Amino acid sequence: MIINGIDLEYADTATVRKAKKASEKVLVVPTKLYKQADDIAVCVDYYSEYKTRGSSDGKYKGVETDRNYLQIIPYFVFIKDGKVLTYKKNKKGGESRLHGFYSVGIGGHVNPKDGKGMRAVREAARRECHEEIGVYPGYTASNINNDNFIIIDIKGNAADYHVGYCQVITDWFPEKMTLSSEVESVEWLSLNELKERNLEEWSNYLLPLLERDWGDLFA
């Protein structure tokens, strides 16, 4: 099989993994329309499409290096008894830029199998949560009518090519979490404890917003 000009039969494991990831289709919205829109849900429902992902180093062409599009990334934060689920991925994780950093959000790209529009975004979040930690968010959190969310739209590095759709999760099933092989460890940490950790950029951006908008969950 040949993907992106790479004959996978003769390539090493790392090359095969990178080529396959670069060839996947991911949900995007045109950057210009997103900047003009006041409502992310309307933008995603009416103007989103699936494009080839590519790679952030530019070796494989795609939306990872195309400023004309923003990739939509669902990002779910789990909170229990005033503490936030915090995890670190090992080197099996696909995003090398996250290695060595802590994260408070479970999420990833939206793929064609997830469907269309905002329903696809929420379905991708449910899928990613199950893949990473073995649970599904409660129905109310992933319901199409839930408008309680934070948009992560910051500048710099990978953030220039992605926009995050973040929701806080306080109930899930089953209760016991089962970690994927890519997750090195998980901890439940308070906001003050999180401030002492080496967080990836989205998690670091979210901390003051969690405290401001969901402060009652940490009381």
N, C-alpha and C. Protein backbone atom coordinates (compact mmCIF):
# COMPACT_ATOMS: atom_id res chain seq x y z
N MET A 1 0.84 -1.19 0.00
CA MET A 1 0.00 0.00 0.00
C MET A 1 0.88 1.25 0.00
N ILE A 2 0.52 2.21 -0.84
CA ILE A 2 1.27 3.46 -0.93
C ILE A 2 0.40 4.62 -0.44
N ILE A 3 0.90 5.34 0.58
CA ILE A 3 0.20 6.50 1.13
C ILE A 3 1.17 7.67 1.13
N ASN A 4 0.72 8.78 0.55
CA ASN A 4 1.57 9.98 0.49
C ASN A 4 2.94 9.68 -0.12
N GLY A 5 2.95 8.80 -1.12
CA GLY A 5 4.20 8.47 -1.80
C GLY A 5 5.09 7.51 -1.04
N ILE A 6 4.62 6.99 0.12
CA ILE A 6 5.40 6.06 0.93
C ILE A 6 4.88 4.65 0.73
N ASP A 7 5.77 3.73 0.32
CA ASP A 7 5.39 2.33 0.20
C ASP A 7 5.44 1.73 1.60
N LEU A 8 4.27 1.53 2.21
CA LEU A 8 4.20 1.10 3.60
C LEU A 8 4.77 -0.30 3.83
N GLU A 9 4.84 -1.08 2.77
CA GLU A 9 5.35 -2.45 2.91
C GLU A 9 6.83 -2.44 3.30
N TYR A 10 7.55 -1.40 2.87
CA TYR A 10 9.00 -1.35 3.11
C TYR A 10 9.41 -0.26 4.11
N ALA A 11 8.45 0.46 4.65
CA ALA A 11 8.76 1.55 5.57
C ALA A 11 8.85 1.05 7.02
N ASP A 12 9.59 1.78 7.85
CA ASP A 12 9.67 1.41 9.27
C ASP A 12 8.38 1.81 9.97
N THR A 13 8.21 1.31 11.19
CA THR A 13 6.96 1.49 11.93
C THR A 13 6.61 2.96 12.13
N ALA A 14 7.60 3.77 12.51
CA ALA A 14 7.35 5.19 12.77
C ALA A 14 6.88 5.91 11.50
N THR A 15 7.49 5.57 10.38
CA THR A 15 7.11 6.20 9.11
C THR A 15 5.71 5.81 8.70
N VAL A 16 5.37 4.54 8.89
CA VAL A 16 4.03 4.05 8.56
C VAL A 16 2.99 4.77 9.40
N ARG A 17 3.24 4.90 10.70
CA ARG A 17 2.30 5.56 11.60
C ARG A 17 2.09 7.02 11.19
N LYS A 18 3.18 7.71 10.87
CA LYS A 18 3.09 9.12 10.50
C LYS A 18 2.36 9.30 9.17
N ALA A 19 2.64 8.42 8.21
CA ALA A 19 2.00 8.52 6.89
C ALA A 19 0.50 8.27 6.99
N LYS A 20 0.11 7.31 7.81
CA LYS A 20 -1.31 7.00 7.98
C LYS A 20 -2.04 8.15 8.66
N LYS A 21 -1.41 8.70 9.70
CA LYS A 21 -2.04 9.82 10.40
C LYS A 21 -2.18 11.03 9.47
N ALA A 22 -1.17 11.27 8.65
CA ALA A 22 -1.20 12.41 7.74
C ALA A 22 -2.27 12.27 6.66
N SER A 23 -2.64 11.04 6.35
CA SER A 23 -3.60 10.80 5.27
C SER A 23 -5.05 10.84 5.74
N GLU A 24 -5.28 10.88 7.05
CA GLU A 24 -6.65 10.84 7.54
C GLU A 24 -7.40 12.12 7.22
N LYS A 25 -8.71 12.02 7.12
CA LYS A 25 -9.56 13.17 6.89
C LYS A 25 -10.04 13.72 8.23
N VAL A 26 -9.96 15.04 8.39
CA VAL A 26 -10.36 15.67 9.65
C VAL A 26 -11.33 16.82 9.37
N LEU A 27 -12.17 17.11 10.35
CA LEU A 27 -13.18 18.16 10.19
C LEU A 27 -12.54 19.54 10.33
N VAL A 28 -12.84 20.42 9.38
CA VAL A 28 -12.30 21.78 9.40
C VAL A 28 -13.39 22.78 9.04
N VAL A 29 -13.12 24.04 9.37
CA VAL A 29 -13.95 25.15 8.90
C VAL A 29 -13.03 26.18 8.24
N PRO A 30 -13.48 26.89 7.24
CA PRO A 30 -12.65 27.93 6.64
C PRO A 30 -12.32 29.00 7.68
N THR A 31 -11.06 29.36 7.79
CA THR A 31 -10.62 30.33 8.79
C THR A 31 -11.35 31.66 8.64
N LYS A 32 -11.49 32.12 7.43
CA LYS A 32 -12.13 33.42 7.19
C LYS A 32 -13.57 33.43 7.68
N LEU A 33 -14.32 32.36 7.39
CA LEU A 33 -15.72 32.29 7.81
C LEU A 33 -15.82 32.15 9.33
N TYR A 34 -14.90 31.40 9.91
CA TYR A 34 -14.91 31.24 11.37
C TYR A 34 -14.69 32.59 12.05
N LYS A 35 -13.76 33.38 11.53
CA LYS A 35 -13.47 34.67 12.13
C LYS A 35 -14.65 35.63 12.01
N GLN A 36 -15.46 35.44 10.96
CA GLN A 36 -16.60 36.32 10.74
C GLN A 36 -17.83 35.88 11.53
N ALA A 37 -17.88 34.62 11.91
CA ALA A 37 -19.07 34.07 12.56
C ALA A 37 -19.11 34.42 14.04
N ASP A 38 -20.32 34.58 14.56
CA ASP A 38 -20.51 34.83 16.00
C ASP A 38 -20.85 33.54 16.74
N ASP A 39 -21.13 32.49 15.99
CA ASP A 39 -21.61 31.24 16.59
C ASP A 39 -20.85 30.07 15.98
N ILE A 40 -20.03 29.39 16.79
CA ILE A 40 -19.23 28.28 16.26
C ILE A 40 -20.11 27.14 15.77
N ALA A 41 -21.25 26.92 16.45
CA ALA A 41 -22.13 25.82 16.05
C ALA A 41 -22.69 26.04 14.65
N VAL A 42 -23.09 27.27 14.35
CA VAL A 42 -23.60 27.59 13.01
C VAL A 42 -22.50 27.41 11.99
N CYS A 43 -21.30 27.87 12.30
CA CYS A 43 -20.17 27.75 11.38
C CYS A 43 -19.87 26.29 11.07
N VAL A 44 -19.85 25.46 12.12
CA VAL A 44 -19.54 24.04 11.92
C VAL A 44 -20.67 23.32 11.19
N ASP A 45 -21.91 23.63 11.55
CA ASP A 45 -23.04 22.95 10.93
C ASP A 45 -23.19 23.27 9.45
N TYR A 46 -22.85 24.50 9.06
CA TYR A 46 -23.10 24.92 7.68
C TYR A 46 -21.86 24.99 6.79
N TYR A 47 -20.69 25.14 7.38
CA TYR A 47 -19.53 25.38 6.54
C TYR A 47 -18.38 24.39 6.75
N SER A 48 -18.53 23.44 7.63
CA SER A 48 -17.44 22.49 7.87
C SER A 48 -17.36 21.46 6.75
N GLU A 49 -16.18 20.89 6.61
CA GLU A 49 -15.95 19.83 5.64
C GLU A 49 -14.76 19.00 6.10
N TYR A 50 -14.54 17.89 5.44
CA TYR A 50 -13.40 17.04 5.80
C TYR A 50 -12.27 17.24 4.79
N LYS A 51 -11.07 17.47 5.35
CA LYS A 51 -9.88 17.68 4.52
C LYS A 51 -8.76 16.76 5.00
N THR A 52 -7.79 16.53 4.12
CA THR A 52 -6.63 15.71 4.49
C THR A 52 -5.82 16.41 5.56
N ARG A 53 -5.45 15.68 6.59
CA ARG A 53 -4.77 16.26 7.73
C ARG A 53 -3.35 16.75 7.42
N GLY A 54 -2.52 15.93 6.80
CA GLY A 54 -1.12 16.31 6.56
C GLY A 54 -0.31 16.21 7.84
N SER A 55 0.85 16.85 7.86
CA SER A 55 1.71 16.81 9.05
C SER A 55 2.22 18.20 9.39
N SER A 56 2.43 18.45 10.68
CA SER A 56 2.82 19.79 11.12
C SER A 56 4.22 20.19 10.68
N ASP A 57 5.05 19.21 10.30
CA ASP A 57 6.39 19.55 9.83
C ASP A 57 6.42 19.86 8.33
N GLY A 58 5.26 19.76 7.67
CA GLY A 58 5.16 20.09 6.26
C GLY A 58 5.58 18.98 5.31
N LYS A 59 6.03 17.85 5.84
CA LYS A 59 6.45 16.75 4.97
C LYS A 59 5.27 16.22 4.17
N TYR A 60 4.12 16.18 4.82
CA TYR A 60 2.90 15.74 4.14
C TYR A 60 1.95 16.93 4.07
N LYS A 61 1.50 17.27 2.89
CA LYS A 61 0.64 18.44 2.69
C LYS A 61 -0.75 18.20 3.25
N GLY A 62 -1.31 19.23 3.87
CA GLY A 62 -2.65 19.12 4.43
C GLY A 62 -2.96 20.31 5.31
N VAL A 63 -4.05 20.21 6.05
CA VAL A 63 -4.52 21.35 6.84
C VAL A 63 -3.66 21.62 8.07
N GLU A 64 -2.76 20.71 8.43
CA GLU A 64 -1.87 20.98 9.57
C GLU A 64 -0.95 22.17 9.29
N THR A 65 -0.78 22.53 8.03
CA THR A 65 0.07 23.68 7.68
C THR A 65 -0.65 24.66 6.75
N ASP A 66 -1.97 24.61 6.74
CA ASP A 66 -2.76 25.47 5.86
C ASP A 66 -3.58 26.44 6.69
N ARG A 67 -3.20 27.71 6.69
CA ARG A 67 -3.89 28.71 7.50
C ARG A 67 -5.26 29.08 6.97
N ASN A 68 -5.65 28.53 5.84
CA ASN A 68 -6.99 28.79 5.30
C ASN A 68 -8.06 28.00 6.03
N TYR A 69 -7.63 27.02 6.85
CA TYR A 69 -8.59 26.17 7.55
C TYR A 69 -8.21 26.01 9.01
N LEU A 70 -9.23 25.84 9.85
CA LEU A 70 -9.03 25.53 11.26
C LEU A 70 -9.62 24.16 11.56
N GLN A 71 -8.84 23.32 12.18
CA GLN A 71 -9.31 21.99 12.57
C GLN A 71 -10.09 22.09 13.88
N ILE A 72 -11.26 21.49 13.91
CA ILE A 72 -12.11 21.53 15.10
C ILE A 72 -11.71 20.38 16.03
N ILE A 73 -11.36 20.72 17.28
CA ILE A 73 -10.90 19.71 18.23
C ILE A 73 -11.79 19.72 19.48
N PRO A 74 -12.61 18.69 19.69
CA PRO A 74 -13.35 18.61 20.95
C PRO A 74 -12.37 18.32 22.08
N TYR A 75 -12.63 18.89 23.26
CA TYR A 75 -11.67 18.85 24.36
C TYR A 75 -12.47 18.80 25.66
N PHE A 76 -12.61 17.62 26.26
CA PHE A 76 -13.46 17.45 27.43
C PHE A 76 -12.64 17.40 28.71
N VAL A 77 -13.05 18.20 29.70
CA VAL A 77 -12.37 18.28 31.00
C VAL A 77 -13.23 17.59 32.05
N PHE A 78 -12.65 16.62 32.75
CA PHE A 78 -13.37 15.86 33.77
C PHE A 78 -13.07 16.44 35.15
N ILE A 79 -14.14 16.74 35.92
CA ILE A 79 -13.99 17.29 37.27
C ILE A 79 -14.76 16.42 38.26
N LYS A 80 -14.11 16.11 39.38
CA LYS A 80 -14.72 15.26 40.41
C LYS A 80 -14.23 15.73 41.78
N ASP A 81 -15.17 16.00 42.69
CA ASP A 81 -14.84 16.39 44.06
C ASP A 81 -13.84 17.55 44.11
N GLY A 82 -14.03 18.52 43.23
CA GLY A 82 -13.19 19.70 43.24
C GLY A 82 -11.81 19.53 42.62
N LYS A 83 -11.60 18.41 41.94
CA LYS A 83 -10.30 18.16 41.32
C LYS A 83 -10.48 17.80 39.84
N VAL A 84 -9.43 18.07 39.07
CA VAL A 84 -9.48 17.89 37.61
C VAL A 84 -8.65 16.67 37.20
N LEU A 85 -9.22 15.86 36.34
CA LEU A 85 -8.48 14.73 35.79
C LEU A 85 -7.31 15.26 34.96
N THR A 86 -6.11 14.85 35.31
CA THR A 86 -4.90 15.33 34.65
C THR A 86 -4.08 14.12 34.20
N TYR A 87 -3.60 14.16 32.98
CA TYR A 87 -2.87 12.99 32.48
C TYR A 87 -1.65 13.42 31.66
N LYS A 88 -0.78 12.45 31.49
CA LYS A 88 0.41 12.65 30.66
C LYS A 88 0.48 11.50 29.68
N LYS A 89 0.72 11.83 28.41
CA LYS A 89 0.86 10.79 27.39
C LYS A 89 2.31 10.35 27.28
N ASN A 90 2.50 9.06 26.97
CA ASN A 90 3.85 8.57 26.75
C ASN A 90 4.23 8.74 25.28
N LYS A 91 5.36 8.21 24.89
CA LYS A 91 5.85 8.42 23.52
C LYS A 91 5.09 7.60 22.47
N LYS A 92 4.15 6.76 22.93
CA LYS A 92 3.29 6.06 21.97
C LYS A 92 2.22 7.01 21.41
N GLY A 93 1.99 8.10 22.13
CA GLY A 93 1.00 9.08 21.69
C GLY A 93 1.42 9.72 20.38
N GLY A 94 0.44 9.98 19.53
CA GLY A 94 0.74 10.46 18.19
C GLY A 94 1.30 11.88 18.13
N GLU A 95 0.95 12.73 19.10
CA GLU A 95 1.37 14.14 19.06
C GLU A 95 2.66 14.32 19.85
N SER A 96 3.78 14.36 19.16
CA SER A 96 5.08 14.48 19.83
C SER A 96 5.20 15.78 20.61
N ARG A 97 4.49 16.85 20.16
CA ARG A 97 4.58 18.13 20.85
C ARG A 97 3.99 18.06 22.26
N LEU A 98 3.20 17.01 22.57
CA LEU A 98 2.58 16.88 23.88
C LEU A 98 3.40 16.01 24.83
N HIS A 99 4.42 15.35 24.31
CA HIS A 99 5.22 14.47 25.14
C HIS A 99 5.90 15.26 26.26
N GLY A 100 5.78 14.76 27.47
CA GLY A 100 6.41 15.41 28.61
C GLY A 100 5.56 16.48 29.26
N PHE A 101 4.39 16.79 28.69
CA PHE A 101 3.51 17.80 29.25
C PHE A 101 2.26 17.14 29.85
N TYR A 102 1.68 17.82 30.83
CA TYR A 102 0.42 17.37 31.41
C TYR A 102 -0.74 18.03 30.67
N SER A 103 -1.87 17.34 30.64
CA SER A 103 -3.06 17.86 29.98
C SER A 103 -4.29 17.61 30.84
N VAL A 104 -5.24 18.54 30.77
CA VAL A 104 -6.50 18.36 31.50
C VAL A 104 -7.64 18.02 30.55
N GLY A 105 -7.37 17.98 29.26
CA GLY A 105 -8.44 17.76 28.29
C GLY A 105 -8.29 16.48 27.51
N ILE A 106 -9.38 15.71 27.41
CA ILE A 106 -9.42 14.53 26.56
C ILE A 106 -10.06 14.93 25.24
N GLY A 107 -9.39 14.68 24.13
CA GLY A 107 -9.98 15.07 22.86
C GLY A 107 -9.10 14.69 21.69
N GLY A 108 -9.50 15.14 20.52
CA GLY A 108 -8.76 14.81 19.31
C GLY A 108 -9.51 15.26 18.08
N HIS A 109 -9.03 14.86 16.94
CA HIS A 109 -9.64 15.27 15.68
C HIS A 109 -10.99 14.59 15.45
N VAL A 110 -11.82 15.26 14.66
CA VAL A 110 -13.11 14.72 14.25
C VAL A 110 -12.92 14.06 12.88
N ASN A 111 -13.36 12.82 12.76
CA ASN A 111 -13.19 12.05 11.52
C ASN A 111 -14.53 11.77 10.84
N PRO A 112 -14.52 11.41 9.55
CA PRO A 112 -15.78 11.18 8.83
C PRO A 112 -16.71 10.18 9.52
N LYS A 113 -16.16 9.19 10.20
CA LYS A 113 -17.00 8.19 10.88
C LYS A 113 -17.82 8.80 12.01
N ASP A 114 -17.44 10.01 12.45
CA ASP A 114 -18.17 10.67 13.54
C ASP A 114 -19.44 11.35 13.06
N GLY A 115 -19.56 11.58 11.75
CA GLY A 115 -20.77 12.19 11.22
C GLY A 115 -20.52 13.58 10.65
N LYS A 116 -21.53 14.44 10.79
CA LYS A 116 -21.45 15.79 10.22
C LYS A 116 -21.78 16.84 11.28
N GLY A 117 -21.25 18.04 11.08
CA GLY A 117 -21.58 19.18 11.92
C GLY A 117 -21.24 19.00 13.38
N MET A 118 -21.98 19.73 14.25
CA MET A 118 -21.71 19.69 15.67
C MET A 118 -22.00 18.32 16.28
N ARG A 119 -22.89 17.58 15.69
CA ARG A 119 -23.12 16.22 16.19
C ARG A 119 -21.84 15.39 16.06
N ALA A 120 -21.12 15.61 14.98
CA ALA A 120 -19.86 14.89 14.78
C ALA A 120 -18.83 15.31 15.82
N VAL A 121 -18.81 16.59 16.15
CA VAL A 121 -17.86 17.08 17.15
C VAL A 121 -18.12 16.41 18.50
N ARG A 122 -19.37 16.34 18.89
CA ARG A 122 -19.70 15.71 20.18
C ARG A 122 -19.47 14.20 20.13
N GLU A 123 -19.76 13.59 19.01
CA GLU A 123 -19.53 12.14 18.89
C GLU A 123 -18.04 11.84 18.93
N ALA A 124 -17.23 12.68 18.32
CA ALA A 124 -15.77 12.49 18.36
C ALA A 124 -15.26 12.61 19.79
N ALA A 125 -15.83 13.54 20.55
CA ALA A 125 -15.43 13.69 21.95
C ALA A 125 -15.75 12.43 22.74
N ARG A 126 -16.93 11.88 22.53
CA ARG A 126 -17.31 10.64 23.21
C ARG A 126 -16.35 9.50 22.82
N ARG A 127 -16.06 9.42 21.55
CA ARG A 127 -15.16 8.36 21.06
C ARG A 127 -13.77 8.50 21.66
N GLU A 128 -13.24 9.72 21.65
CA GLU A 128 -11.90 9.95 22.18
C GLU A 128 -11.83 9.63 23.67
N CYS A 129 -12.87 10.02 24.41
CA CYS A 129 -12.89 9.72 25.85
C CYS A 129 -12.86 8.22 26.09
N HIS A 130 -13.61 7.49 25.30
CA HIS A 130 -13.63 6.03 25.47
C HIS A 130 -12.31 5.41 25.06
N GLU A 131 -11.71 5.92 23.99
CA GLU A 131 -10.42 5.39 23.54
C GLU A 131 -9.30 5.67 24.54
N GLU A 132 -9.31 6.87 25.14
CA GLU A 132 -8.20 7.28 26.02
C GLU A 132 -8.35 6.78 27.45
N ILE A 133 -9.55 6.88 28.02
CA ILE A 133 -9.71 6.54 29.43
C ILE A 133 -10.86 5.55 29.69
N GLY A 134 -11.46 5.01 28.62
CA GLY A 134 -12.42 3.92 28.77
C GLY A 134 -13.78 4.28 29.29
N VAL A 135 -14.18 5.56 29.22
CA VAL A 135 -15.51 5.96 29.70
C VAL A 135 -16.20 6.84 28.67
N TYR A 136 -17.52 6.96 28.83
CA TYR A 136 -18.31 7.87 28.00
C TYR A 136 -18.84 9.01 28.86
N PRO A 137 -18.80 10.25 28.36
CA PRO A 137 -19.40 11.37 29.11
C PRO A 137 -20.90 11.14 29.29
N GLY A 138 -21.44 11.68 30.40
CA GLY A 138 -22.87 11.58 30.62
C GLY A 138 -23.65 12.22 29.50
N TYR A 139 -24.89 11.82 29.33
CA TYR A 139 -25.71 12.27 28.21
C TYR A 139 -25.85 13.79 28.18
N THR A 140 -26.05 14.40 29.34
CA THR A 140 -26.29 15.85 29.36
C THR A 140 -25.09 16.62 28.82
N ALA A 141 -23.90 16.11 29.06
CA ALA A 141 -22.70 16.81 28.61
C ALA A 141 -22.55 16.78 27.10
N SER A 142 -22.90 15.66 26.49
CA SER A 142 -22.69 15.51 25.05
C SER A 142 -23.96 15.76 24.24
N ASN A 143 -25.02 16.21 24.90
CA ASN A 143 -26.28 16.47 24.22
C ASN A 143 -26.16 17.64 23.26
N ILE A 144 -26.83 17.56 22.15
CA ILE A 144 -26.75 18.58 21.11
C ILE A 144 -27.24 19.94 21.61
N ASN A 145 -28.07 19.95 22.68
CA ASN A 145 -28.62 21.20 23.19
C ASN A 145 -27.80 21.82 24.31
N ASN A 146 -26.66 21.21 24.64
CA ASN A 146 -25.82 21.76 25.71
C ASN A 146 -24.98 22.92 25.18
N ASP A 147 -25.28 24.13 25.65
CA ASP A 147 -24.57 25.32 25.18
C ASP A 147 -23.49 25.79 26.14
N ASN A 148 -23.19 24.98 27.16
CA ASN A 148 -22.22 25.37 28.17
C ASN A 148 -20.83 24.90 27.73
N PHE A 149 -20.09 25.77 27.08
CA PHE A 149 -18.79 25.37 26.55
C PHE A 149 -17.83 26.55 26.50
N ILE A 150 -16.55 26.24 26.33
CA ILE A 150 -15.50 27.25 26.18
C ILE A 150 -14.86 27.04 24.81
N ILE A 151 -14.64 28.11 24.08
CA ILE A 151 -13.92 28.02 22.82
C ILE A 151 -12.44 28.33 23.08
N ILE A 152 -11.58 27.43 22.64
CA ILE A 152 -10.14 27.63 22.79
C ILE A 152 -9.60 28.11 21.45
N ASP A 153 -9.33 29.39 21.39
CA ASP A 153 -8.87 30.01 20.14
C ASP A 153 -7.69 30.92 20.49
N ILE A 154 -6.50 30.35 20.53
CA ILE A 154 -5.30 31.11 20.90
C ILE A 154 -4.28 31.06 19.77
N LYS A 155 -3.27 31.87 19.88
CA LYS A 155 -2.27 31.97 18.82
C LYS A 155 -0.98 31.26 19.21
N GLY A 156 -0.24 30.84 18.19
CA GLY A 156 1.08 30.27 18.43
C GLY A 156 1.13 28.77 18.26
N ASN A 157 2.19 28.30 17.61
CA ASN A 157 2.43 26.87 17.40
C ASN A 157 1.23 26.21 16.73
N ALA A 158 0.81 25.06 17.27
CA ALA A 158 -0.29 24.31 16.66
C ALA A 158 -1.62 25.05 16.79
N ALA A 159 -1.71 25.98 17.74
CA ALA A 159 -2.96 26.69 17.97
C ALA A 159 -3.40 27.50 16.76
N ASP A 160 -2.48 27.87 15.89
CA ASP A 160 -2.84 28.64 14.70
C ASP A 160 -3.65 27.82 13.69
N TYR A 161 -3.66 26.51 13.86
CA TYR A 161 -4.33 25.64 12.88
C TYR A 161 -5.48 24.86 13.50
N HIS A 162 -5.78 25.12 14.77
CA HIS A 162 -6.84 24.39 15.47
C HIS A 162 -7.69 25.34 16.29
N VAL A 163 -8.94 24.96 16.53
CA VAL A 163 -9.79 25.65 17.48
C VAL A 163 -10.45 24.59 18.35
N GLY A 164 -10.41 24.80 19.66
CA GLY A 164 -10.92 23.80 20.58
C GLY A 164 -12.34 24.09 21.03
N TYR A 165 -13.12 23.02 21.16
CA TYR A 165 -14.48 23.11 21.68
C TYR A 165 -14.48 22.35 23.01
N CYS A 166 -14.44 23.09 24.11
CA CYS A 166 -14.23 22.49 25.42
C CYS A 166 -15.51 22.45 26.24
N GLN A 167 -15.78 21.29 26.84
CA GLN A 167 -16.89 21.15 27.78
C GLN A 167 -16.39 20.49 29.06
N VAL A 168 -17.03 20.84 30.17
CA VAL A 168 -16.70 20.25 31.47
C VAL A 168 -17.61 19.06 31.73
N ILE A 169 -17.02 17.94 32.14
CA ILE A 169 -17.74 16.70 32.38
C ILE A 169 -17.71 16.38 33.87
N THR A 170 -18.90 16.17 34.45
CA THR A 170 -18.98 15.84 35.87
C THR A 170 -19.62 14.47 36.12
N ASP A 171 -20.10 13.83 35.06
CA ASP A 171 -20.62 12.47 35.21
C ASP A 171 -20.27 11.67 33.97
N TRP A 172 -20.01 10.38 34.18
CA TRP A 172 -19.58 9.51 33.09
C TRP A 172 -19.87 8.05 33.45
N PHE A 173 -19.78 7.18 32.46
CA PHE A 173 -20.00 5.76 32.70
C PHE A 173 -19.09 4.95 31.77
N PRO A 174 -18.63 3.77 32.21
CA PRO A 174 -18.70 3.28 33.60
C PRO A 174 -17.88 4.16 34.53
N GLU A 175 -18.04 3.97 35.83
CA GLU A 175 -17.34 4.83 36.79
C GLU A 175 -15.84 4.60 36.77
N LYS A 176 -15.41 3.34 36.61
CA LYS A 176 -13.99 3.02 36.60
C LYS A 176 -13.38 3.32 35.25
N MET A 177 -12.24 4.01 35.26
CA MET A 177 -11.55 4.37 34.03
C MET A 177 -10.51 3.32 33.66
N THR A 178 -10.38 3.08 32.36
CA THR A 178 -9.39 2.14 31.84
C THR A 178 -8.51 2.89 30.85
N LEU A 179 -7.22 2.99 31.14
CA LEU A 179 -6.34 3.82 30.34
C LEU A 179 -5.86 3.12 29.07
N SER A 180 -5.71 3.90 28.00
CA SER A 180 -5.14 3.37 26.76
C SER A 180 -3.64 3.22 26.93
N SER A 181 -3.02 2.53 26.00
CA SER A 181 -1.58 2.30 26.07
C SER A 181 -0.78 3.59 25.87
N GLU A 182 -1.44 4.65 25.36
CA GLU A 182 -0.76 5.92 25.11
C GLU A 182 -0.73 6.82 26.34
N VAL A 183 -1.55 6.51 27.34
CA VAL A 183 -1.63 7.34 28.54
C VAL A 183 -0.68 6.78 29.59
N GLU A 184 0.28 7.61 29.98
CA GLU A 184 1.30 7.18 30.94
C GLU A 184 0.75 7.11 32.36
N SER A 185 -0.01 8.14 32.74
CA SER A 185 -0.54 8.19 34.10
C SER A 185 -1.66 9.21 34.18
N VAL A 186 -2.53 9.06 35.20
CA VAL A 186 -3.58 10.04 35.47
C VAL A 186 -3.56 10.39 36.95
N GLU A 187 -3.96 11.63 37.24
CA GLU A 187 -4.07 12.11 38.61
C GLU A 187 -5.28 13.03 38.70
N TRP A 188 -5.83 13.15 39.90
CA TRP A 188 -6.87 14.13 40.16
C TRP A 188 -6.22 15.27 40.94
N LEU A 189 -6.16 16.46 40.35
CA LEU A 189 -5.43 17.57 40.95
C LEU A 189 -6.31 18.81 41.13
N SER A 190 -6.05 19.55 42.19
CA SER A 190 -6.74 20.81 42.41
C SER A 190 -6.18 21.87 41.46
N LEU A 191 -6.87 22.98 41.36
CA LEU A 191 -6.38 24.06 40.49
C LEU A 191 -5.01 24.55 40.95
N ASN A 192 -4.82 24.67 42.25
CA ASN A 192 -3.53 25.12 42.76
C ASN A 192 -2.43 24.12 42.44
N GLU A 193 -2.72 22.83 42.51
CA GLU A 193 -1.73 21.82 42.17
C GLU A 193 -1.41 21.87 40.68
N LEU A 194 -2.42 22.14 39.88
CA LEU A 194 -2.21 22.21 38.42
C LEU A 194 -1.29 23.37 38.05
N LYS A 195 -1.36 24.44 38.80
CA LYS A 195 -0.52 25.60 38.51
C LYS A 195 0.96 25.29 38.67
N GLU A 196 1.27 24.20 39.37
CA GLU A 196 2.66 23.82 39.59
C GLU A 196 3.15 22.80 38.56
N ARG A 197 2.27 22.36 37.67
CA ARG A 197 2.63 21.35 36.68
C ARG A 197 3.01 21.99 35.34
N ASN A 198 3.76 21.24 34.56
CA ASN A 198 4.17 21.68 33.23
C ASN A 198 3.06 21.31 32.25
N LEU A 199 2.16 22.24 31.99
CA LEU A 199 0.96 21.97 31.19
C LEU A 199 1.16 22.33 29.73
N GLU A 200 0.51 21.56 28.86
CA GLU A 200 0.50 21.94 27.44
C GLU A 200 -0.34 23.21 27.28
N GLU A 201 -0.20 23.90 26.14
CA GLU A 201 -0.71 25.26 25.99
C GLU A 201 -2.21 25.40 26.18
N TRP A 202 -3.02 24.47 25.69
CA TRP A 202 -4.46 24.59 25.87
C TRP A 202 -4.85 24.44 27.33
N SER A 203 -4.24 23.48 28.03
CA SER A 203 -4.56 23.27 29.44
C SER A 203 -4.18 24.51 30.26
N ASN A 204 -3.05 25.08 29.95
CA ASN A 204 -2.60 26.28 30.65
C ASN A 204 -3.55 27.45 30.41
N TYR A 205 -4.05 27.55 29.21
CA TYR A 205 -5.00 28.60 28.85
C TYR A 205 -6.32 28.43 29.61
N LEU A 206 -6.72 27.18 29.84
CA LEU A 206 -8.02 26.90 30.44
C LEU A 206 -8.11 27.15 31.94
N LEU A 207 -7.00 27.03 32.65
CA LEU A 207 -7.05 27.08 34.11
C LEU A 207 -7.82 28.28 34.66
N PRO A 208 -7.48 29.52 34.28
CA PRO A 208 -8.23 30.66 34.83
C PRO A 208 -9.69 30.67 34.39
N LEU A 209 -9.99 30.11 33.22
CA LEU A 209 -11.38 30.07 32.74
C LEU A 209 -12.19 29.06 33.54
N LEU A 210 -11.59 27.94 33.88
CA LEU A 210 -12.28 26.96 34.72
C LEU A 210 -12.61 27.55 36.08
N GLU A 211 -11.64 28.27 36.62
CA GLU A 211 -11.84 28.88 37.93
C GLU A 211 -12.91 29.96 37.87
N ARG A 212 -12.94 30.70 36.77
CA ARG A 212 -13.91 31.79 36.63
C ARG A 212 -15.32 31.29 36.35
N ASP A 213 -15.45 30.35 35.40
CA ASP A 213 -16.76 29.94 34.93
C ASP A 213 -17.34 28.74 35.66
N TRP A 214 -16.50 27.91 36.26
CA TRP A 214 -16.98 26.73 36.97
C TRP A 214 -16.44 26.70 38.41
N GLY A 215 -16.30 27.89 38.98
CA GLY A 215 -15.73 28.00 40.31
C GLY A 215 -16.49 27.21 41.36
N ASP A 216 -17.81 27.06 41.17
CA ASP A 216 -18.61 26.34 42.17
C ASP A 216 -18.21 24.87 42.27
N LEU A 217 -17.60 24.32 41.22
CA LEU A 217 -17.18 22.92 41.24
C LEU A 217 -15.92 22.72 42.06
N PHE A 218 -15.23 23.82 42.40
CA PHE A 218 -13.98 23.73 43.15
C PHE A 218 -14.13 24.26 44.59
N ALA A 219 -15.35 24.63 44.94
CA ALA A 219 -15.58 25.20 46.28
C ALA A 219 -15.43 24.13 47.36
